[in-house]
């Protein structure tokens, strides 16, 4: 096989791939799915009240935590 034969084969493969990608792009434009305006039904969202007396733990700044760090404790 000479180089002209290889060029013809490579051109046929690349041309076929280009054709398939173009066909996919055109088909995607013609047959695009319709988006629903809203969901079919509303899901109930449970409302959780905070527990009485429970407060969020105060977070210490990073420099304070780094000062307390101990490599032997992990």
Foldseek 3Di string as FASTA:
>chain_A
DDVVVVVVVVCVVVVVVVVVVVVVVVVCVVDPDDDDPDDPDDDDDDDDDDDPPDDDDDDDDPVVVVVPDDPVVD
